[in-house]
Amino acid sequence: MNRNSHKATYQNLQTPLGSPLLAILDKTGTPEDFREPDSLHFHNHLEIGFCYYGSGTMVLDTKKIPYGSNSFTVIPRGVSHLTQSHDKIGYSWEYLFIDADGLVAEIYKTNPPIAKYLLSKINGHAFLSKADSQPEIASLIRRILDVMRRQEELYLEEARGLALALLISLARFNKDGSQLQEYQHHVNSNLVISPALAFINKEPHHPFKIRELAKLCHISETHFRRVFSEYMKMSPVKYINQVRIRQACDELKRGNDSINVIAARAGFTSLSTFNRNFRQITGVTPQQLRKHPELYEPASSFAPPRPQN
């Protein structure tokens, strides 16, 4: 693996209002088009990918697994991963991101033990499989993707029902992973700090206290600092600053508010602190970025060495 393979980026995804699903359809191209060859990342939702054609390598944390056409991946929230396309003819993937925790909690709100049991199975392992090895799961994935693509009347309700059926099938599949799974990977310490990462990304302006973030993760402040630094390869404070600067970059590119206002909205209490962090993270000043927006790079480049998928 390359020298950055141990680093991963957290990607906070939001499903559409009123739906537990986000579909990314018709992701096709050539290996040259693929934008994340060196970027491990992890998400706050369950990711399911279906490869229609193409070949390459799926990286799950430190494990490399070859994939080919007509295969699928199931990657729980918090598992670092990366897809690398090797086929010169290109690739075609489609993805579903499912708020499994929210959907299961909603359906089984009167039966928390069942909800907890299901989620422990669903979020327990990541795996890659050929569609013909697990036809029931593959069929449900394809059906949900088709429903989201057609968007016929009541499609969200249909997709919600199919998603629940898929989650139950995954829970059954994970019941005896040693026999059924082609690959399994136990969720790492990133899951422990996921509540803090989600909070930081959702409310970067918040006046964070490390003890507050540790309490959110149900661990001590000392343990939180250690786990966070081990996994993110940076301190919590540095991560917070990078998320805030990323937001400021977006606002500088899009809007006309003063730099003072943007700095305050991002959570910085002084302009000097904002300017210093901005220069350290982006390599340019806020004024330079506003004057020359071509210097702006995708927000991910300003994110911490992030856990990616």
C-alpha atoms as a PDB file:
ATOM      1  CA  MET A   1       0.000   0.000   0.000  1.00  0.00           C
ATOM      2  CA  ASN A   2       1.133   3.560  -0.522  1.00  0.00           C
ATOM      3  CA  ARG A   3       2.401   5.706   2.296  1.00  0.00           C
ATOM      4  CA  ASN A   4      -1.034   7.260   2.905  1.00  0.00           C
ATOM      5  CA  SER A   5      -2.910   3.983   3.062  1.00  0.00           C
ATOM      6  CA  HIS A   6      -3.186   4.051   6.858  1.00  0.00           C
ATOM      7  CA  LYS A   7      -4.933   7.411   6.828  1.00  0.00           C
ATOM      8  CA  ALA A   8      -8.644   7.766   6.292  1.00  0.00           C
ATOM      9  CA  THR A   9     -11.157  10.571   5.976  1.00  0.00           C
ATOM     10  CA  TYR A  10     -14.511  10.817   7.662  1.00  0.00           C
ATOM     11  CA  GLN A  11     -17.320  11.619   5.225  1.00  0.00           C
ATOM     12  CA  ASN A  12     -20.557  12.744   6.803  1.00  0.00           C
ATOM     13  CA  LEU A  13     -23.446  11.934   4.451  1.00  0.00           C
ATOM     14  CA  GLN A  14     -26.997  13.215   4.725  1.00  0.00           C
ATOM     15  CA  THR A  15     -29.922  11.219   3.374  1.00  0.00           C
ATOM     16  CA  PRO A  16     -32.811  13.179   1.803  1.00  0.00           C
ATOM     17  CA  LEU A  17     -35.363  14.536   4.242  1.00  0.00           C
ATOM     18  CA  GLY A  18     -37.874  11.837   5.164  1.00  0.00           C
ATOM     19  CA  SER A  19     -35.859   8.990   3.625  1.00  0.00           C
ATOM     20  CA  PRO A  20     -33.300   6.602   5.145  1.00  0.00           C
ATOM     21  CA  LEU A  21     -31.636   6.128   1.732  1.00  0.00           C
ATOM     22  CA  LEU A  22     -29.281   8.040  -0.517  1.00  0.00           C
ATOM     23  CA  ALA A  23     -28.669   6.574  -3.994  1.00  0.00           C
ATOM     24  CA  ILE A  24     -25.699   7.432  -6.227  1.00  0.00           C
ATOM     25  CA  LEU A  25     -26.568   6.071  -9.642  1.00  0.00           C
ATOM     26  CA  ASP A  26     -24.649   5.408 -12.847  1.00  0.00           C
ATOM     27  CA  LYS A  27     -21.124   6.054 -11.616  1.00  0.00           C
ATOM     28  CA  THR A  28     -19.196   5.079 -14.735  1.00  0.00           C
ATOM     29  CA  GLY A  29     -15.854   6.007 -16.227  1.00  0.00           C
ATOM     30  CA  THR A  30     -12.280   4.943 -16.778  1.00  0.00           C
ATOM     31  CA  PRO A  31      -9.533   4.429 -14.197  1.00  0.00           C
ATOM     32  CA  GLU A  32      -8.272   7.913 -15.053  1.00  0.00           C
ATOM     33  CA  ASP A  33     -11.662   9.314 -14.045  1.00  0.00           C
ATOM     34  CA  PHE A  34     -11.642   7.641 -10.673  1.00  0.00           C
ATOM     35  CA  ARG A  35     -10.954  10.381  -8.126  1.00  0.00           C
ATOM     36  CA  GLU A  36      -9.922   8.500  -5.006  1.00  0.00           C
ATOM     37  CA  PRO A  37      -6.957   6.168  -5.743  1.00  0.00           C
ATOM     38  CA  ASP A  38      -5.128   7.145  -2.546  1.00  0.00           C
ATOM     39  CA  SER A  39      -8.029   7.992  -0.270  1.00  0.00           C
ATOM     40  CA  LEU A  40      -9.266   5.624   2.397  1.00  0.00           C
ATOM     41  CA  HIS A  41     -12.473   6.939   3.954  1.00  0.00           C
ATOM     42  CA  PHE A  42     -15.368   5.919   6.158  1.00  0.00           C
ATOM     43  CA  HIS A  43     -18.961   7.088   6.435  1.00  0.00           C
ATOM     44  CA  ASN A  44     -21.646   7.650   9.018  1.00  0.00           C
ATOM     45  CA  HIS A  45     -24.034   5.333   7.114  1.00  0.00           C
ATOM     46  CA  LEU A  46     -23.993   1.803   5.733  1.00  0.00           C
ATOM     47  CA  GLU A  47     -22.586   1.795   2.191  1.00  0.00           C
ATOM     48  CA  ILE A  48     -23.649  -0.779  -0.377  1.00  0.00           C
ATOM     49  CA  GLY A  49     -22.029  -0.779  -3.802  1.00  0.00           C
ATOM     50  CA  PHE A  50     -22.931  -2.829  -6.882  1.00  0.00           C
ATOM     51  CA  CYS A  51     -20.340  -3.273  -9.654  1.00  0.00           C
ATOM     52  CA  TYR A  52     -21.998  -3.916 -13.028  1.00  0.00           C
ATOM     53  CA  TYR A  53     -18.729  -4.163 -14.915  1.00  0.00           C
ATOM     54  CA  GLY A  54     -15.036  -3.545 -14.375  1.00  0.00           C
ATOM     55  CA  SER A  55     -12.347  -5.010 -12.168  1.00  0.00           C
ATOM     56  CA  GLY A  56      -9.966  -3.810  -9.516  1.00  0.00           C
ATOM     57  CA  THR A  57      -9.189  -3.935  -5.838  1.00  0.00           C
ATOM     58  CA  MET A  58     -11.367  -3.181  -2.849  1.00  0.00           C
ATOM     59  CA  VAL A  59      -9.368  -2.039   0.159  1.00  0.00           C
ATOM     60  CA  LEU A  60     -11.032  -2.660   3.512  1.00  0.00           C
ATOM     61  CA  ASP A  61      -8.819  -1.043   6.129  1.00  0.00           C
ATOM     62  CA  THR A  62      -5.516  -2.882   5.510  1.00  0.00           C
ATOM     63  CA  LYS A  63      -6.905  -5.786   3.468  1.00  0.00           C
ATOM     64  CA  LYS A  64      -6.932  -5.836  -0.345  1.00  0.00           C
ATOM     65  CA  ILE A  65      -9.594  -7.916  -2.081  1.00  0.00           C
ATOM     66  CA  PRO A  66      -9.961  -8.273  -5.871  1.00  0.00           C
ATOM     67  CA  TYR A  67     -13.378  -7.564  -7.344  1.00  0.00           C
ATOM     68  CA  GLY A  68     -14.943  -8.057 -10.765  1.00  0.00           C
ATOM     69  CA  SER A  69     -18.143  -7.521 -12.691  1.00  0.00           C
ATOM     70  CA  ASN A  70     -21.463  -8.462 -11.104  1.00  0.00           C
ATOM     71  CA  SER A  71     -20.254  -8.183  -7.530  1.00  0.00           C
ATOM     72  CA  PHE A  72     -21.286  -6.101  -4.541  1.00  0.00           C
ATOM     73  CA  THR A  73     -19.858  -4.668  -1.351  1.00  0.00           C
ATOM     74  CA  VAL A  74     -21.469  -4.113   2.034  1.00  0.00           C
ATOM     75  CA  ILE A  75     -19.521  -1.690   4.217  1.00  0.00           C
ATOM     76  CA  PRO A  76     -20.900  -0.704   7.647  1.00  0.00           C
ATOM     77  CA  ARG A  77     -20.549   2.798   9.025  1.00  0.00           C
ATOM     78  CA  GLY A  78     -17.095   3.386  10.414  1.00  0.00           C
ATOM     79  CA  VAL A  79     -15.164   0.907   8.253  1.00  0.00           C
ATOM     80  CA  SER A  80     -12.343   2.491   6.234  1.00  0.00           C
ATOM     81  CA  HIS A  81     -12.380   1.503   2.590  1.00  0.00           C
ATOM     82  CA  LEU A  82     -11.256   2.391  -0.916  1.00  0.00           C
ATOM     83  CA  THR A  83     -12.191   1.221  -4.414  1.00  0.00           C
ATOM     84  CA  GLN A  84      -9.416   1.066  -7.005  1.00  0.00           C
ATOM     85  CA  SER A  85     -10.369   0.384 -10.640  1.00  0.00           C
ATOM     86  CA  HIS A  86      -7.800  -1.514 -12.708  1.00  0.00           C
ATOM     87  CA  ASP A  87      -9.746  -2.339 -15.848  1.00  0.00           C
ATOM     88  CA  LYS A  88      -8.744  -0.240 -18.855  1.00  0.00           C
ATOM     89  CA  ILE A  89     -12.235  -0.508 -20.313  1.00  0.00           C
ATOM     90  CA  GLY A  90     -13.576   1.348 -17.293  1.00  0.00           C
ATOM     91  CA  TYR A  91     -16.071   0.594 -14.561  1.00  0.00           C
ATOM     92  CA  SER A  92     -19.713   1.002 -13.622  1.00  0.00           C
ATOM     93  CA  TRP A  93     -20.820   1.182  -9.992  1.00  0.00           C
ATOM     94  CA  GLU A  94     -23.987   2.271  -8.236  1.00  0.00           C
ATOM     95  CA  TYR A  95     -24.255   2.953  -4.520  1.00  0.00           C
ATOM     96  CA  LEU A  96     -26.787   2.991  -1.725  1.00  0.00           C
ATOM     97  CA  PHE A  97     -26.141   4.721   1.579  1.00  0.00           C
ATOM     98  CA  ILE A  98     -28.601   3.568   4.227  1.00  0.00           C
ATOM     99  CA  ASP A  99     -29.178   5.094   7.640  1.00  0.00           C
ATOM    100  CA  ALA A 100     -29.494   1.620   9.111  1.00  0.00           C
ATOM    101  CA  ASP A 101     -29.455   2.828  12.712  1.00  0.00           C
ATOM    102  CA  GLY A 102     -32.262   5.306  12.092  1.00  0.00           C
ATOM    103  CA  LEU A 103     -34.423   2.938  10.069  1.00  0.00           C
ATOM    104  CA  VAL A 104     -34.107   0.017  12.499  1.00  0.00           C
ATOM    105  CA  ALA A 105     -34.703   2.273  15.514  1.00  0.00           C
ATOM    106  CA  GLU A 106     -37.844   3.663  13.868  1.00  0.00           C
ATOM    107  CA  ILE A 107     -39.289   0.273  12.894  1.00  0.00           C
ATOM    108  CA  TYR A 108     -38.483  -1.393  16.219  1.00  0.00           C
ATOM    109  CA  LYS A 109     -38.985   1.544  18.570  1.00  0.00           C
ATOM    110  CA  THR A 110     -41.190  -0.601  20.815  1.00  0.00           C
ATOM    111  CA  ASN A 111     -38.662  -3.446  20.841  1.00  0.00           C
ATOM    112  CA  PRO A 112     -35.159  -2.039  21.535  1.00  0.00           C
ATOM    113  CA  PRO A 113     -33.563  -5.480  22.124  1.00  0.00           C
ATOM    114  CA  ILE A 114     -34.446  -6.588  18.586  1.00  0.00           C
ATOM    115  CA  ALA A 115     -33.168  -3.288  17.178  1.00  0.00           C
ATOM    116  CA  LYS A 116     -29.888  -3.678  19.061  1.00  0.00           C
ATOM    117  CA  TYR A 117     -29.488  -7.279  17.911  1.00  0.00           C
ATOM    118  CA  LEU A 118     -30.146  -6.442  14.255  1.00  0.00           C
ATOM    119  CA  LEU A 119     -27.731  -3.507  14.263  1.00  0.00           C
ATOM    120  CA  SER A 120     -24.999  -5.584  15.910  1.00  0.00           C
ATOM    121  CA  LYS A 121     -25.244  -8.010  12.973  1.00  0.00           C
ATOM    122  CA  ILE A 122     -25.645  -5.378  10.257  1.00  0.00           C
ATOM    123  CA  ASN A 123     -22.768  -3.216  11.489  1.00  0.00           C
ATOM    124  CA  GLY A 124     -20.525  -6.097  12.470  1.00  0.00           C
ATOM    125  CA  HIS A 125     -18.586  -6.784   9.287  1.00  0.00           C
ATOM    126  CA  ALA A 126     -17.691  -5.517   5.837  1.00  0.00           C
ATOM    127  CA  PHE A 127     -17.599  -7.928   2.931  1.00  0.00           C
ATOM    128  CA  LEU A 128     -17.321  -8.315  -0.831  1.00  0.00           C
ATOM    129  CA  SER A 129     -19.301 -10.964  -2.692  1.00  0.00           C
ATOM    130  CA  LYS A 130     -20.147 -12.144  -6.171  1.00  0.00           C
ATOM    131  CA  ALA A 131     -23.831 -11.602  -6.933  1.00  0.00           C
ATOM    132  CA  ASP A 132     -24.355 -15.257  -7.857  1.00  0.00           C
ATOM    133  CA  SER A 133     -22.908 -16.324  -4.493  1.00  0.00           C
ATOM    134  CA  GLN A 134     -25.582 -14.360  -2.598  1.00  0.00           C
ATOM    135  CA  PRO A 135     -28.465 -13.998  -5.086  1.00  0.00           C
ATOM    136  CA  GLU A 136     -31.082 -12.918  -2.519  1.00  0.00           C
ATOM    137  CA  ILE A 137     -29.001 -10.015  -1.244  1.00  0.00           C
ATOM    138  CA  ALA A 138     -27.881  -9.047  -4.752  1.00  0.00           C
ATOM    139  CA  SER A 139     -31.474  -9.067  -5.990  1.00  0.00           C
ATOM    140  CA  LEU A 140     -32.642  -6.785  -3.180  1.00  0.00           C
ATOM    141  CA  ILE A 141     -29.797  -4.347  -3.882  1.00  0.00           C
ATOM    142  CA  ARG A 142     -30.668  -4.217  -7.586  1.00  0.00           C
ATOM    143  CA  ARG A 143     -34.373  -3.766  -6.828  1.00  0.00           C
ATOM    144  CA  ILE A 144     -33.736  -0.827  -4.508  1.00  0.00           C
ATOM    145  CA  LEU A 145     -31.446   0.817  -7.065  1.00  0.00           C
ATOM    146  CA  ASP A 146     -34.103   0.365  -9.761  1.00  0.00           C
ATOM    147  CA  VAL A 147     -36.807   1.836  -7.509  1.00  0.00           C
ATOM    148  CA  MET A 148     -34.641   4.865  -6.755  1.00  0.00           C
ATOM    149  CA  ARG A 149     -33.854   5.257 -10.447  1.00  0.00           C
ATOM    150  CA  ARG A 150     -37.466   5.115 -11.695  1.00  0.00           C
ATOM    151  CA  GLN A 151     -38.915   7.280  -8.905  1.00  0.00           C
ATOM    152  CA  GLU A 152     -42.467   6.157  -9.528  1.00  0.00           C
ATOM    153  CA  GLU A 153     -45.342   7.100  -7.233  1.00  0.00           C
ATOM    154  CA  LEU A 154     -44.647   6.096  -3.610  1.00  0.00           C
ATOM    155  CA  TYR A 155     -41.114   5.033  -4.547  1.00  0.00           C
ATOM    156  CA  LEU A 156     -39.628   6.180  -1.237  1.00  0.00           C
ATOM    157  CA  GLU A 157     -42.082   4.026   0.696  1.00  0.00           C
ATOM    158  CA  GLU A 158     -41.256   1.054  -1.547  1.00  0.00           C
ATOM    159  CA  ALA A 159     -37.525   1.651  -1.138  1.00  0.00           C
ATOM    160  CA  ARG A 160     -37.915   1.891   2.642  1.00  0.00           C
ATOM    161  CA  GLY A 161     -39.640  -1.513   2.773  1.00  0.00           C
ATOM    162  CA  LEU A 162     -37.041  -3.118   0.524  1.00  0.00           C
ATOM    163  CA  ALA A 163     -34.243  -1.564   2.583  1.00  0.00           C
ATOM    164  CA  LEU A 164     -35.616  -3.156   5.746  1.00  0.00           C
ATOM    165  CA  ALA A 165     -35.789  -6.530   3.962  1.00  0.00           C
ATOM    166  CA  LEU A 166     -32.185  -6.037   2.837  1.00  0.00           C
ATOM    167  CA  LEU A 167     -31.016  -5.188   6.356  1.00  0.00           C
ATOM    168  CA  ILE A 168     -32.673  -8.318   7.751  1.00  0.00           C
ATOM    169  CA  SER A 169     -31.018 -10.418   5.023  1.00  0.00           C
ATOM    170  CA  LEU A 170     -27.650  -8.888   5.916  1.00  0.00           C
ATOM    171  CA  ALA A 171     -28.228  -9.647   9.602  1.00  0.00           C
ATOM    172  CA  ARG A 172     -28.893 -13.287   8.718  1.00  0.00           C
ATOM    173  CA  PHE A 173     -25.854 -13.359   6.461  1.00  0.00           C
ATOM    174  CA  ASN A 174     -23.627 -12.080   9.261  1.00  0.00           C
ATOM    175  CA  LYS A 175     -24.927 -14.631  11.739  1.00  0.00           C
ATOM    176  CA  ASP A 176     -22.086 -16.992  10.924  1.00  0.00           C
ATOM    177  CA  GLY A 177     -19.561 -14.895   9.074  1.00  0.00           C
ATOM    178  CA  SER A 178     -16.780 -17.481   9.350  1.00  0.00           C
ATOM    179  CA  GLN A 179     -18.677 -19.765   6.958  1.00  0.00           C
ATOM    180  CA  LEU A 180     -20.574 -17.348   4.733  1.00  0.00           C
ATOM    181  CA  GLN A 181     -18.430 -14.296   4.188  1.00  0.00           C
ATOM    182  CA  GLU A 182     -15.727 -14.116   1.566  1.00  0.00           C
ATOM    183  CA  TYR A 183     -14.126 -11.467   3.724  1.00  0.00           C
ATOM    184  CA  GLN A 184     -14.976  -9.980   7.066  1.00  0.00           C
ATOM    185  CA  HIS A 185     -13.534  -7.070   8.929  1.00  0.00           C
ATOM    186  CA  HIS A 186     -14.327  -6.133  12.498  1.00  0.00           C
ATOM    187  CA  VAL A 187     -15.264  -2.508  12.921  1.00  0.00           C
ATOM    188  CA  ASN A 188     -12.363  -0.562  14.361  1.00  0.00           C
ATOM    189  CA  SER A 189     -11.958   2.242  16.839  1.00  0.00           C
ATOM    190  CA  ASN A 190     -13.329   4.716  14.303  1.00  0.00           C
ATOM    191  CA  LEU A 191     -16.817   3.633  15.366  1.00  0.00           C
ATOM    192  CA  VAL A 192     -16.018   4.721  18.904  1.00  0.00           C
ATOM    193  CA  ILE A 193     -15.348   8.305  17.829  1.00  0.00           C
ATOM    194  CA  SER A 194     -18.006   8.475  15.090  1.00  0.00           C
ATOM    195  CA  PRO A 195     -20.504  10.402  17.282  1.00  0.00           C
ATOM    196  CA  ALA A 196     -17.891  13.093  17.867  1.00  0.00           C
ATOM    197  CA  LEU A 197     -16.949  13.241  14.179  1.00  0.00           C
ATOM    198  CA  ALA A 198     -20.584  13.581  13.165  1.00  0.00           C
ATOM    199  CA  PHE A 199     -21.146  16.380  15.698  1.00  0.00           C
ATOM    200  CA  ILE A 200     -18.053  18.283  14.575  1.00  0.00           C
ATOM    201  CA  ASN A 201     -19.010  18.053  10.907  1.00  0.00           C
ATOM    202  CA  LYS A 202     -22.616  19.033  11.556  1.00  0.00           C
ATOM    203  CA  GLU A 203     -21.920  21.936  13.950  1.00  0.00           C
ATOM    204  CA  PRO A 204     -18.340  23.126  13.279  1.00  0.00           C
ATOM    205  CA  HIS A 205     -19.065  26.538  14.835  1.00  0.00           C
ATOM    206  CA  HIS A 206     -19.857  24.958  18.213  1.00  0.00           C
ATOM    207  CA  PRO A 207     -17.439  25.932  21.043  1.00  0.00           C
ATOM    208  CA  PHE A 208     -16.206  22.376  21.496  1.00  0.00           C
ATOM    209  CA  LYS A 209     -14.759  21.036  24.713  1.00  0.00           C
ATOM    210  CA  ILE A 210     -12.831  17.785  24.433  1.00  0.00           C
ATOM    211  CA  ARG A 211     -14.527  16.402  27.526  1.00  0.00           C
ATOM    212  CA  GLU A 212     -17.880  17.109  25.840  1.00  0.00           C
ATOM    213  CA  LEU A 213     -16.862  15.109  22.760  1.00  0.00           C
ATOM    214  CA  ALA A 214     -15.539  12.276  24.941  1.00  0.00           C
ATOM    215  CA  LYS A 215     -18.823  12.149  26.859  1.00  0.00           C
ATOM    216  CA  LEU A 216     -20.696  11.951  23.553  1.00  0.00           C
ATOM    217  CA  CYS A 217     -18.666   8.817  22.743  1.00  0.00           C
ATOM    218  CA  HIS A 218     -19.154   7.376  26.258  1.00  0.00           C
ATOM    219  CA  ILE A 219     -15.426   7.195  26.982  1.00  0.00           C
ATOM    220  CA  SER A 220     -13.018   9.132  29.185  1.00  0.00           C
ATOM    221  CA  GLU A 221     -11.332  12.274  27.882  1.00  0.00           C
ATOM    222  CA  THR A 222      -7.910  10.607  28.053  1.00  0.00           C
ATOM    223  CA  HIS A 223      -9.098   7.566  26.112  1.00  0.00           C
ATOM    224  CA  PHE A 224     -10.898   9.778  23.601  1.00  0.00           C
ATOM    225  CA  ARG A 225      -7.749  11.813  22.879  1.00  0.00           C
ATOM    226  CA  ARG A 226      -5.697   8.652  22.408  1.00  0.00           C
ATOM    227  CA  VAL A 227      -8.186   6.871  20.135  1.00  0.00           C
ATOM    228  CA  PHE A 228      -8.873  10.003  18.122  1.00  0.00           C
ATOM    229  CA  SER A 229      -5.172  10.712  17.542  1.00  0.00           C
ATOM    230  CA  GLU A 230      -4.418   7.078  16.687  1.00  0.00           C
ATOM    231  CA  TYR A 231      -7.166   6.844  14.107  1.00  0.00           C
ATOM    232  CA  MET A 232      -7.279  10.348  12.640  1.00  0.00           C
ATOM    233  CA  LYS A 233      -3.496  10.875  12.819  1.00  0.00           C
ATOM    234  CA  MET A 234      -4.086  14.295  14.376  1.00  0.00           C
ATOM    235  CA  SER A 235      -5.439  15.821  17.551  1.00  0.00           C
ATOM    236  CA  PRO A 236      -9.155  16.621  18.018  1.00  0.00           C
ATOM    237  CA  VAL A 237      -8.365  20.361  17.996  1.00  0.00           C
ATOM    238  CA  LYS A 238      -6.548  20.124  14.670  1.00  0.00           C
ATOM    239  CA  TYR A 239      -9.435  18.171  13.165  1.00  0.00           C
ATOM    240  CA  ILE A 240     -11.953  20.775  14.366  1.00  0.00           C
ATOM    241  CA  ASN A 241      -9.873  23.552  12.825  1.00  0.00           C
ATOM    242  CA  GLN A 242      -9.660  21.720   9.494  1.00  0.00           C
ATOM    243  CA  VAL A 243     -13.418  21.194   9.351  1.00  0.00           C
ATOM    244  CA  ARG A 244     -13.962  24.886  10.169  1.00  0.00           C
ATOM    245  CA  ILE A 245     -11.493  26.013   7.504  1.00  0.00           C
ATOM    246  CA  ARG A 246     -13.155  23.726   4.974  1.00  0.00           C
ATOM    247  CA  GLN A 247     -16.474  25.455   5.689  1.00  0.00           C
ATOM    248  CA  ALA A 248     -14.831  28.869   5.401  1.00  0.00           C
ATOM    249  CA  CYS A 249     -13.325  27.928   2.029  1.00  0.00           C
ATOM    250  CA  ASP A 250     -16.765  26.986   0.727  1.00  0.00           C
ATOM    251  CA  GLU A 251     -18.214  30.296   1.922  1.00  0.00           C
ATOM    252  CA  LEU A 252     -15.359  32.362   0.503  1.00  0.00           C
ATOM    253  CA  LYS A 253     -15.889  30.777  -2.872  1.00  0.00           C
ATOM    254  CA  ARG A 254     -19.676  31.060  -2.913  1.00  0.00           C
ATOM    255  CA  GLY A 255     -20.574  34.239  -1.024  1.00  0.00           C
ATOM    256  CA  ASN A 256     -19.688  37.864  -0.475  1.00  0.00           C
ATOM    257  CA  ASP A 257     -19.781  38.080   3.322  1.00  0.00           C
ATOM    258  CA  SER A 258     -16.802  39.716   4.985  1.00  0.00           C
ATOM    259  CA  ILE A 259     -13.931  37.539   6.154  1.00  0.00           C
ATOM    260  CA  ASN A 260     -14.696  38.579   9.747  1.00  0.00           C
ATOM    261  CA  VAL A 261     -18.252  37.265   9.435  1.00  0.00           C
ATOM    262  CA  ILE A 262     -17.131  34.027   7.777  1.00  0.00           C
ATOM    263  CA  ALA A 263     -14.484  33.443  10.454  1.00  0.00           C
ATOM    264  CA  ALA A 264     -17.014  33.942  13.257  1.00  0.00           C
ATOM    265  CA  ARG A 265     -19.576  31.720  11.555  1.00  0.00           C
ATOM    266  CA  ALA A 266     -16.976  28.963  11.245  1.00  0.00           C
ATOM    267  CA  GLY A 267     -16.380  29.091  15.001  1.00  0.00           C
ATOM    268  CA  PHE A 268     -13.218  31.170  15.324  1.00  0.00           C
ATOM    269  CA  THR A 269     -13.274  33.716  18.139  1.00  0.00           C
ATOM    270  CA  SER A 270     -10.556  35.939  16.651  1.00  0.00           C
ATOM    271  CA  LEU A 271      -9.602  36.907  13.118  1.00  0.00           C
ATOM    272  CA  SER A 272      -5.888  36.378  13.815  1.00  0.00           C
ATOM    273  CA  THR A 273      -6.511  32.756  14.858  1.00  0.00           C
ATOM    274  CA  PHE A 274      -8.644  32.212  11.777  1.00  0.00           C
ATOM    275  CA  ASN A 275      -6.011  33.685   9.439  1.00  0.00           C
ATOM    276  CA  ARG A 276      -3.215  31.641  11.006  1.00  0.00           C
ATOM    277  CA  ASN A 277      -5.111  28.347  10.735  1.00  0.00           C
ATOM    278  CA  PHE A 278      -6.347  29.170   7.251  1.00  0.00           C
ATOM    279  CA  ARG A 279      -2.807  29.719   5.974  1.00  0.00           C
ATOM    280  CA  GLN A 280      -1.465  26.610   7.716  1.00  0.00           C
ATOM    281  CA  ILE A 281      -4.145  24.352   6.262  1.00  0.00           C
ATOM    282  CA  THR A 282      -4.673  25.735   2.743  1.00  0.00           C
ATOM    283  CA  GLY A 283      -1.327  27.348   2.000  1.00  0.00           C
ATOM    284  CA  VAL A 284      -2.981  30.644   1.006  1.00  0.00           C
ATOM    285  CA  THR A 285      -4.654  33.521   2.835  1.00  0.00           C
ATOM    286  CA  PRO A 286      -8.433  34.051   2.842  1.00  0.00           C
ATOM    287  CA  GLN A 287      -7.918  37.183   0.750  1.00  0.00           C
ATOM    288  CA  GLN A 288      -5.904  35.258  -1.835  1.00  0.00           C
ATOM    289  CA  LEU A 289      -8.524  32.539  -2.058  1.00  0.00           C
ATOM    290  CA  ARG A 290     -11.316  35.058  -2.551  1.00  0.00           C
ATOM    291  CA  LYS A 291      -9.343  36.979  -5.172  1.00  0.00           C
ATOM    292  CA  HIS A 292      -8.219  33.848  -7.023  1.00  0.00           C
ATOM    293  CA  PRO A 293     -10.933  31.183  -6.603  1.00  0.00           C
ATOM    294  CA  GLU A 294      -9.022  28.933  -8.995  1.00  0.00           C
ATOM    295  CA  LEU A 295      -6.792  28.222  -5.994  1.00  0.00           C
ATOM    296  CA  TYR A 296      -9.738  26.535  -4.358  1.00  0.00           C
ATOM    297  CA  GLU A 297      -9.522  22.762  -4.223  1.00  0.00           C
ATOM    298  CA  PRO A 298     -12.220  20.253  -3.265  1.00  0.00           C
ATOM    299  CA  ALA A 299     -13.088  20.493   0.407  1.00  0.00           C
ATOM    300  CA  SER A 300     -11.680  17.013   0.996  1.00  0.00           C
ATOM    301  CA  SER A 301      -8.171  18.276   0.361  1.00  0.00           C
ATOM    302  CA  PHE A 302      -8.468  20.500   3.431  1.00  0.00           C
ATOM    303  CA  ALA A 303      -9.955  17.763   5.565  1.00  0.00           C
ATOM    304  CA  PRO A 304      -7.761  15.940   8.043  1.00  0.00           C
ATOM    305  CA  PRO A 305      -5.909  12.857   6.904  1.00  0.00           C
ATOM    306  CA  ARG A 306      -9.282  11.338   6.767  1.00  0.00           C
ATOM    307  CA  PRO A 307     -10.688   7.887   7.109  1.00  0.00           C
ATOM    308  CA  GLN A 308     -12.207   7.135   3.676  1.00  0.00           C
ATOM    309  CA  ASN A 309     -14.151   4.430   1.896  1.00  0.00           C
END
